[in-house]
Amino acid sequence: MAGYYTLDIKELTDQRINNQNKQPFPHQQEAFNCLSKALPVPIQGYKGSLLVLPTGGGKTFTSVNWICRNIISKGIKVLWMAQSSYLLDQATEAFIGELHNAYGRDTVNLRVVSSSTNHANSGSILPTDDVLICTTQTAIIAYNSEQLDGRGEIAYTPFRNFVEHCKESELFVVIDEAHHTPAYGCRTLLLSMRDSLKNLYVLGLTATPMHMDKRISGWLKKIYDQWICYEAKKENLQTQKVLAVPKYIEKDTGIEFDVDDSLFDRLVNKHKDLPENLIQILADNHKRNDLIISDYIENRDEYGKTLIFADRWVQCEYLVEKLKAQGVRANAVYSVVSAQRIPVLKTLAT
């Protein structure tokens, strides 16, 4: 079945013996200690805490390694929620790579659920699942959906049954991209689970422990009542050479806009994002896109393999077409999230 794995721990351990085990960095070792202090096992009552690492700091590996050693090894079920299928696959890969650390377990049942055909659907979820990895939106819908059984009585969905199965035991929940937690659907789901379950821990993973909407940002400290258990500063990781120091090069595209005083203040003084209509104009501007192409071609030896983050999917396709015409191996990757295409362009130099 797509998205379902029964993993043999001994087999995974043997594979790790034959391959070099991934060693945590010093900041990850520090995070392990802080996680153990903030979220002690066995789970008793409710606790929520944030693990804050900058992008590239290894949030997924850090949390999964600790969870395998301290949560799954104790027989506690794990619910991992993320915003996209890509993040689900990333978490799945991390679990498969670290489950050999779940000492005391013979096997672990892992299920990945989303609307993707590469994953299982929410109707296949079973209480025997040990690790359930699913999109946040799928969890919200499945938890709140009700259906009737053959007698006309309300019956829980398989996802709700999975949660309710932990009512008198323990459940460990992970929220990837945890700064989105205050959104109504996510916070309502977690609050309902907190009311329903006797023993529940919630671990949030994020690089930015804040929410842009100040009207609901206060929910972060209500959900994560232990607040931040560990935070690594980007500057420290750069000094330790865990992260590279970015090199910023400004390029003048020659594009100018006439804006009113209100928009000028918003962009220059308040550092807000460009409005959607201006982003669309920039994405559609072939002169500007051609400048991006020519800059890459002129500097391809220095740039090497390059990621170009574009603003619209049509811009991705345009850049790929022009790069291929110049003999560059290139491809575009974009997905649909909340009815909007979120583009990421991958450009590979030959």
Protein backbone atom coordinates (compact mmCIF):
# COMPACT_ATOMS: atom_id res chain seq x y z
CA MET A 1 0.00 0.00 0.00
CA ALA A 2 1.33 3.42 -0.95
CA GLY A 3 2.48 5.43 2.03
CA TYR A 4 2.52 2.55 4.53
CA TYR A 5 5.65 0.93 5.96
CA THR A 6 6.26 -1.79 8.51
CA LEU A 7 9.88 -1.21 9.40
CA ASP A 8 12.07 -3.91 10.91
CA ILE A 9 14.35 -2.22 13.44
CA LYS A 10 17.02 -4.95 13.31
CA GLU A 11 17.18 -4.66 9.55
CA LEU A 12 17.52 -0.88 9.79
CA THR A 13 20.24 -1.31 12.44
CA ASP A 14 22.18 -3.69 10.20
CA GLN A 15 21.96 -1.17 7.38
CA ARG A 16 23.35 1.52 9.69
CA ILE A 17 26.24 -0.75 10.73
CA ASN A 18 27.20 -1.10 7.08
CA ASN A 19 26.88 2.63 6.50
CA GLN A 20 28.30 5.58 8.40
CA ASN A 21 25.88 6.78 11.04
CA LYS A 22 24.94 10.45 10.88
CA GLN A 23 26.60 12.34 13.71
CA PRO A 24 24.80 15.30 15.30
CA PHE A 25 26.46 18.72 15.47
CA PRO A 26 27.15 20.31 18.88
CA HIS A 27 24.04 22.50 18.64
CA GLN A 28 21.93 19.40 17.98
CA GLN A 29 23.39 17.67 21.03
CA GLU A 30 22.44 20.75 23.06
CA ALA A 31 18.93 20.58 21.58
CA PHE A 32 18.61 16.91 22.61
CA ASN A 33 19.32 17.82 26.24
CA CYS A 34 16.87 20.73 26.18
CA LEU A 35 14.14 18.61 24.61
CA SER A 36 14.54 15.99 27.33
CA LYS A 37 14.20 18.65 30.03
CA ALA A 38 11.22 20.42 28.47
CA LEU A 39 9.32 17.25 27.44
CA PRO A 40 10.19 14.55 29.98
CA VAL A 41 8.99 10.99 29.44
CA PRO A 42 6.62 9.40 30.41
CA ILE A 43 4.20 11.98 29.09
CA GLN A 44 2.13 13.35 31.94
CA GLY A 45 -0.56 15.93 31.33
CA TYR A 46 -0.03 18.57 28.66
CA LYS A 47 3.12 20.36 27.53
CA GLY A 48 3.99 22.30 24.39
CA SER A 49 7.40 23.59 23.38
CA LEU A 50 9.22 25.05 20.36
CA LEU A 51 12.48 23.93 18.81
CA VAL A 52 13.87 26.92 16.90
CA LEU A 53 16.65 26.31 14.38
CA PRO A 54 17.49 28.45 11.35
CA THR A 55 16.91 27.05 7.88
CA GLY A 56 19.64 24.50 7.24
CA GLY A 57 20.16 23.92 10.96
CA GLY A 58 18.66 20.41 10.86
CA LYS A 59 15.26 20.75 12.55
CA THR A 60 13.96 17.51 11.04
CA PHE A 61 16.97 15.36 11.88
CA THR A 62 17.27 16.81 15.38
CA SER A 63 13.64 16.20 16.31
CA VAL A 64 13.33 12.80 14.61
CA ASN A 65 16.52 11.44 16.16
CA TRP A 66 15.38 12.54 19.63
CA ILE A 67 11.84 11.21 19.07
CA CYS A 68 13.10 7.80 17.97
CA ARG A 69 15.31 7.47 21.07
CA ASN A 70 12.95 8.96 23.64
CA ILE A 71 9.38 8.59 22.36
CA ILE A 72 9.02 5.71 19.88
CA SER A 73 11.39 3.52 21.91
CA LYS A 74 8.93 3.87 24.82
CA GLY A 75 5.98 2.73 22.70
CA ILE A 76 4.44 6.22 22.50
CA LYS A 77 2.60 7.03 19.27
CA VAL A 78 3.70 9.99 17.15
CA LEU A 79 1.55 12.28 15.00
CA TRP A 80 3.65 14.46 12.68
CA MET A 81 1.85 17.26 10.80
CA ALA A 82 3.30 19.46 8.06
CA GLN A 83 2.06 21.91 5.46
CA SER A 84 3.03 20.10 2.24
CA SER A 85 3.65 16.69 0.69
CA TYR A 86 7.31 17.62 0.24
CA LEU A 87 7.71 18.12 4.00
CA LEU A 88 5.95 14.80 4.62
CA ASP A 89 8.46 13.02 2.39
CA GLN A 90 11.32 14.78 4.15
CA ALA A 91 10.04 13.63 7.55
CA THR A 92 9.47 10.07 6.28
CA GLU A 93 13.02 9.84 4.96
CA ALA A 94 14.34 11.10 8.30
CA PHE A 95 12.34 8.52 10.29
CA ILE A 96 13.49 5.65 8.09
CA GLY A 97 17.05 6.84 8.56
CA GLU A 98 16.82 7.16 12.35
CA LEU A 99 14.41 4.44 13.52
CA HIS A 100 17.34 2.15 14.30
CA ASN A 101 17.65 4.35 17.40
CA ALA A 102 14.24 3.16 18.67
CA TYR A 103 15.83 0.69 21.06
CA GLY A 104 13.53 -1.95 22.48
CA ARG A 105 11.24 -2.01 19.45
CA ASP A 106 11.15 -4.87 16.95
CA THR A 107 8.99 -3.18 14.33
CA VAL A 108 7.41 0.24 13.77
CA ASN A 109 4.35 0.90 11.60
CA LEU A 110 4.65 4.20 9.76
CA ARG A 111 1.91 5.72 7.57
CA VAL A 112 2.12 8.84 5.38
CA VAL A 113 -1.22 10.46 4.55
CA SER A 114 -2.09 13.24 2.12
CA SER A 115 -4.09 13.86 -1.05
CA SER A 116 -1.09 12.75 -3.13
CA THR A 117 -1.34 9.41 -4.94
CA ASN A 118 2.14 8.62 -3.57
CA HIS A 119 0.72 8.57 -0.05
CA ALA A 120 -2.04 6.72 1.78
CA ASN A 121 -5.47 8.28 2.18
CA SER A 122 -6.96 9.23 5.53
CA GLY A 123 -9.46 6.36 5.33
CA SER A 124 -6.62 3.84 5.69
CA ILE A 125 -5.39 5.08 9.09
CA LEU A 126 -5.40 2.43 11.82
CA PRO A 127 -4.99 2.62 15.62
CA THR A 128 -2.03 0.24 15.19
CA ASP A 129 -0.04 2.92 13.35
CA ASP A 130 2.96 3.95 15.46
CA VAL A 131 3.99 7.00 13.43
CA LEU A 132 1.38 8.92 11.46
CA ILE A 133 2.74 11.62 9.15
CA CYS A 134 0.10 13.75 7.45
CA THR A 135 -0.64 17.21 6.12
CA THR A 136 -2.12 19.61 8.64
CA GLN A 137 -5.12 20.25 6.43
CA THR A 138 -5.84 16.53 6.10
CA ALA A 139 -5.70 16.16 9.88
CA ILE A 140 -8.03 19.12 10.45
CA ILE A 141 -10.64 17.83 7.99
CA ALA A 142 -10.42 14.21 9.16
CA TYR A 143 -10.64 15.14 12.84
CA ASN A 144 -13.74 17.29 12.41
CA SER A 145 -15.58 15.14 9.85
CA GLU A 146 -18.44 12.99 11.04
CA GLN A 147 -20.09 10.06 9.36
CA LEU A 148 -22.96 7.72 10.15
CA ASP A 149 -22.56 4.03 10.80
CA GLY A 150 -24.99 1.32 9.68
CA ARG A 151 -27.29 2.12 12.59
CA GLY A 152 -27.48 5.82 11.77
CA GLU A 153 -25.27 6.79 14.70
CA ILE A 154 -22.34 9.20 14.46
CA ALA A 155 -19.04 7.38 13.88
CA TYR A 156 -15.51 8.76 14.11
CA THR A 157 -13.24 8.89 11.08
CA PRO A 158 -10.15 6.61 11.10
CA PHE A 159 -7.97 9.64 11.96
CA ARG A 160 -10.20 10.57 14.90
CA ASN A 161 -10.13 6.93 16.02
CA PHE A 162 -6.31 7.05 15.95
CA VAL A 163 -6.35 10.09 18.23
CA GLU A 164 -9.06 8.72 20.53
CA HIS A 165 -7.12 5.46 20.82
CA CYS A 166 -4.51 7.48 22.75
CA LYS A 167 -7.10 8.95 25.11
CA GLU A 168 -5.93 7.08 28.20
CA SER A 169 -2.34 6.51 27.08
CA GLU A 170 0.08 9.01 25.48
CA LEU A 171 0.43 10.91 22.20
CA PHE A 172 3.35 12.98 20.93
CA VAL A 173 2.46 15.56 18.27
CA VAL A 174 4.92 17.45 16.04
CA ILE A 175 3.94 20.57 14.11
CA ASP A 176 6.39 21.40 11.33
CA GLU A 177 6.49 25.08 10.32
CA ALA A 178 5.02 25.76 13.77
CA HIS A 179 4.67 29.52 13.25
CA HIS A 180 1.45 28.62 11.39
CA THR A 181 -0.03 27.06 14.54
CA PRO A 182 -2.19 30.11 15.45
CA ALA A 183 -4.23 29.66 12.26
CA TYR A 184 -7.81 28.81 13.26
CA GLY A 185 -7.92 25.24 11.95
CA CYS A 186 -4.60 24.16 13.43
CA ARG A 187 -5.03 25.75 16.84
CA THR A 188 -8.61 24.47 17.14
CA LEU A 189 -7.43 20.94 16.35
CA LEU A 190 -4.70 21.09 18.98
CA LEU A 191 -6.95 22.63 21.63
CA SER A 192 -9.57 19.93 21.04
CA MET A 193 -6.92 17.22 21.33
CA ARG A 194 -5.63 18.82 24.52
CA ASP A 195 -9.12 18.65 26.01
CA SER A 196 -9.66 15.08 24.84
CA LEU A 197 -6.35 13.41 25.68
CA LYS A 198 -5.04 12.74 29.16
CA ASN A 199 -1.34 12.89 28.23
CA LEU A 200 -0.29 15.01 25.26
CA TYR A 201 2.95 16.72 24.24
CA VAL A 202 3.17 19.12 21.28
CA LEU A 203 6.55 19.97 19.76
CA GLY A 204 6.70 22.82 17.25
CA LEU A 205 9.52 23.14 14.71
CA THR A 206 10.28 26.53 13.19
CA ALA A 207 12.96 28.97 12.16
CA THR A 208 10.73 31.95 12.98
CA PRO A 209 8.83 31.67 16.30
CA MET A 210 6.32 34.38 15.47
CA HIS A 211 3.10 34.89 13.51
CA MET A 212 2.67 37.87 11.20
CA ASP A 213 -0.92 38.46 12.28
CA LYS A 214 -0.67 40.08 15.71
CA ARG A 215 -4.37 39.45 16.31
CA ILE A 216 -3.75 35.71 16.70
CA SER A 217 -0.01 35.56 17.44
CA GLY A 218 -0.73 35.16 21.18
CA TRP A 219 -1.94 31.61 20.51
CA LEU A 220 1.68 30.51 20.05
CA LYS A 221 2.41 30.87 23.77
CA LYS A 222 -0.92 29.28 24.67
CA ILE A 223 -0.22 26.18 22.58
CA TYR A 224 3.50 26.09 23.37
CA ASP A 225 3.16 26.82 27.07
CA GLN A 226 6.80 25.87 27.75
CA TRP A 227 7.71 28.34 24.99
CA ILE A 228 11.15 27.80 23.38
CA CYS A 229 13.06 24.83 24.74
CA TYR A 230 16.07 25.48 22.50
CA GLU A 231 17.07 28.10 19.95
CA ALA A 232 20.23 28.16 17.84
CA LYS A 233 21.31 31.49 16.40
CA LYS A 234 22.19 31.62 12.72
CA GLU A 235 25.34 33.63 13.43
CA ASN A 236 26.66 30.95 15.81
CA LEU A 237 26.06 28.17 13.28
CA GLN A 238 27.85 30.22 10.63
CA THR A 239 30.83 30.66 12.97
CA GLN A 240 30.85 26.89 13.56
CA LYS A 241 30.65 26.40 9.75
CA VAL A 242 27.41 24.47 10.06
CA LEU A 243 25.81 27.11 7.84
CA ALA A 244 27.47 29.02 5.01
CA VAL A 245 27.78 32.78 5.19
CA PRO A 246 25.65 34.14 2.35
CA LYS A 247 27.24 36.41 -0.22
CA TYR A 248 24.81 39.08 -1.37
CA ILE A 249 25.27 40.56 -4.84
CA GLU A 250 22.90 43.32 -5.92
CA LYS A 251 21.85 43.39 -9.55
CA ASP A 252 20.15 46.39 -11.13
CA THR A 253 17.33 45.17 -13.36
CA GLY A 254 16.47 48.67 -14.54
CA ILE A 255 12.80 48.25 -13.61
CA GLU A 256 11.17 51.25 -11.93
CA PHE A 257 7.69 51.81 -10.50
CA ASP A 258 5.80 54.95 -9.65
CA VAL A 259 4.05 54.38 -6.30
CA ASP A 260 2.02 56.60 -4.02
CA ASP A 261 3.21 57.74 -0.58
CA SER A 262 1.26 55.03 1.24
CA LEU A 263 2.83 52.18 -0.72
CA PHE A 264 6.28 53.78 -0.53
CA ASP A 265 6.01 53.91 3.27
CA ARG A 266 4.81 50.30 3.35
CA LEU A 267 7.76 49.07 1.30
CA VAL A 268 10.63 51.28 2.47
CA ASN A 269 9.84 52.11 6.08
CA LYS A 270 7.73 49.17 7.18
CA HIS A 271 9.59 46.56 5.07
CA LYS A 272 6.39 44.88 3.89
CA ASP A 273 6.08 42.57 0.89
CA LEU A 274 5.34 43.82 -2.59
CA PRO A 275 1.62 43.80 -3.42
CA GLU A 276 0.44 40.96 -5.64
CA ASN A 277 -0.19 43.16 -8.68
CA LEU A 278 3.43 44.39 -8.72
CA ILE A 279 4.74 40.85 -8.26
CA GLN A 280 2.69 39.76 -11.27
CA ILE A 281 4.10 42.62 -13.37
CA LEU A 282 7.66 41.66 -12.45
CA ALA A 283 7.03 37.96 -13.15
CA ASP A 284 5.62 38.77 -16.60
CA ASN A 285 8.41 41.20 -17.55
CA HIS A 286 10.43 39.35 -20.21
CA LYS A 287 13.18 41.98 -20.23
CA ARG A 288 13.80 41.36 -16.53
CA ASN A 289 13.57 37.58 -16.95
CA ASP A 290 16.02 37.71 -19.85
CA LEU A 291 18.41 39.67 -17.64
CA ILE A 292 18.26 36.84 -15.10
CA ILE A 293 19.10 34.36 -17.86
CA SER A 294 22.00 36.39 -19.21
CA ASP A 295 23.44 36.94 -15.72
CA TYR A 296 23.46 33.20 -15.11
CA ILE A 297 25.02 32.45 -18.52
CA GLU A 298 27.76 35.02 -17.99
CA ASN A 299 28.58 33.67 -14.52
CA ARG A 300 27.72 29.99 -14.83
CA ASP A 301 31.24 28.80 -13.94
CA GLU A 302 31.13 30.81 -10.70
CA TYR A 303 27.50 30.00 -9.87
CA GLY A 304 27.64 26.28 -10.67
CA LYS A 305 24.44 24.44 -9.79
CA THR A 306 21.90 27.12 -8.98
CA LEU A 307 18.44 27.47 -7.45
CA ILE A 308 16.37 30.35 -8.77
CA PHE A 309 13.29 31.20 -6.73
CA ALA A 310 10.70 32.65 -9.06
CA ASP A 311 7.44 34.45 -8.32
CA ARG A 312 4.95 32.71 -10.63
CA TRP A 313 4.76 29.32 -12.29
CA VAL A 314 4.62 30.88 -15.75
CA GLN A 315 7.87 32.68 -14.95
CA CYS A 316 9.41 29.33 -14.01
CA GLU A 317 8.44 27.86 -17.35
CA TYR A 318 9.75 30.90 -19.25
CA LEU A 319 13.13 30.78 -17.49
CA VAL A 320 13.48 27.04 -18.07
CA GLU A 321 12.68 27.39 -21.78
CA LYS A 322 15.26 30.17 -22.24
CA LEU A 323 17.93 28.37 -20.22
CA LYS A 324 17.50 25.19 -22.26
CA ALA A 325 17.85 27.26 -25.43
CA GLN A 326 21.27 28.30 -24.07
CA GLY A 327 22.29 24.67 -23.53
CA VAL A 328 21.66 24.63 -19.77
CA ARG A 329 20.10 21.57 -18.14
CA ALA A 330 17.15 23.05 -16.26
CA ASN A 331 13.76 22.11 -14.86
CA ALA A 332 10.94 23.76 -12.93
CA VAL A 333 9.22 22.56 -9.77
CA TYR A 334 6.08 24.16 -8.40
CA SER A 335 3.08 22.96 -6.46
CA VAL A 336 -0.44 24.11 -5.68
CA VAL A 337 -1.02 25.22 -2.09
CA SER A 338 -4.30 26.88 -1.05
CA ALA A 339 -5.28 27.26 -4.71
CA GLN A 340 -2.10 29.21 -5.46
CA ARG A 341 0.92 27.88 -7.32
CA ILE A 342 4.04 28.24 -5.17
CA PRO A 343 7.00 28.13 -7.58
CA VAL A 344 10.53 26.94 -7.04
CA LEU A 345 12.84 26.79 -10.07
CA LYS A 346 15.79 24.46 -10.15
CA THR A 347 18.54 25.34 -12.63
CA LEU A 348 21.40 22.94 -13.26
CA ALA A 349 24.53 24.05 -15.11
CA THR A 350 26.21 21.57 -17.40
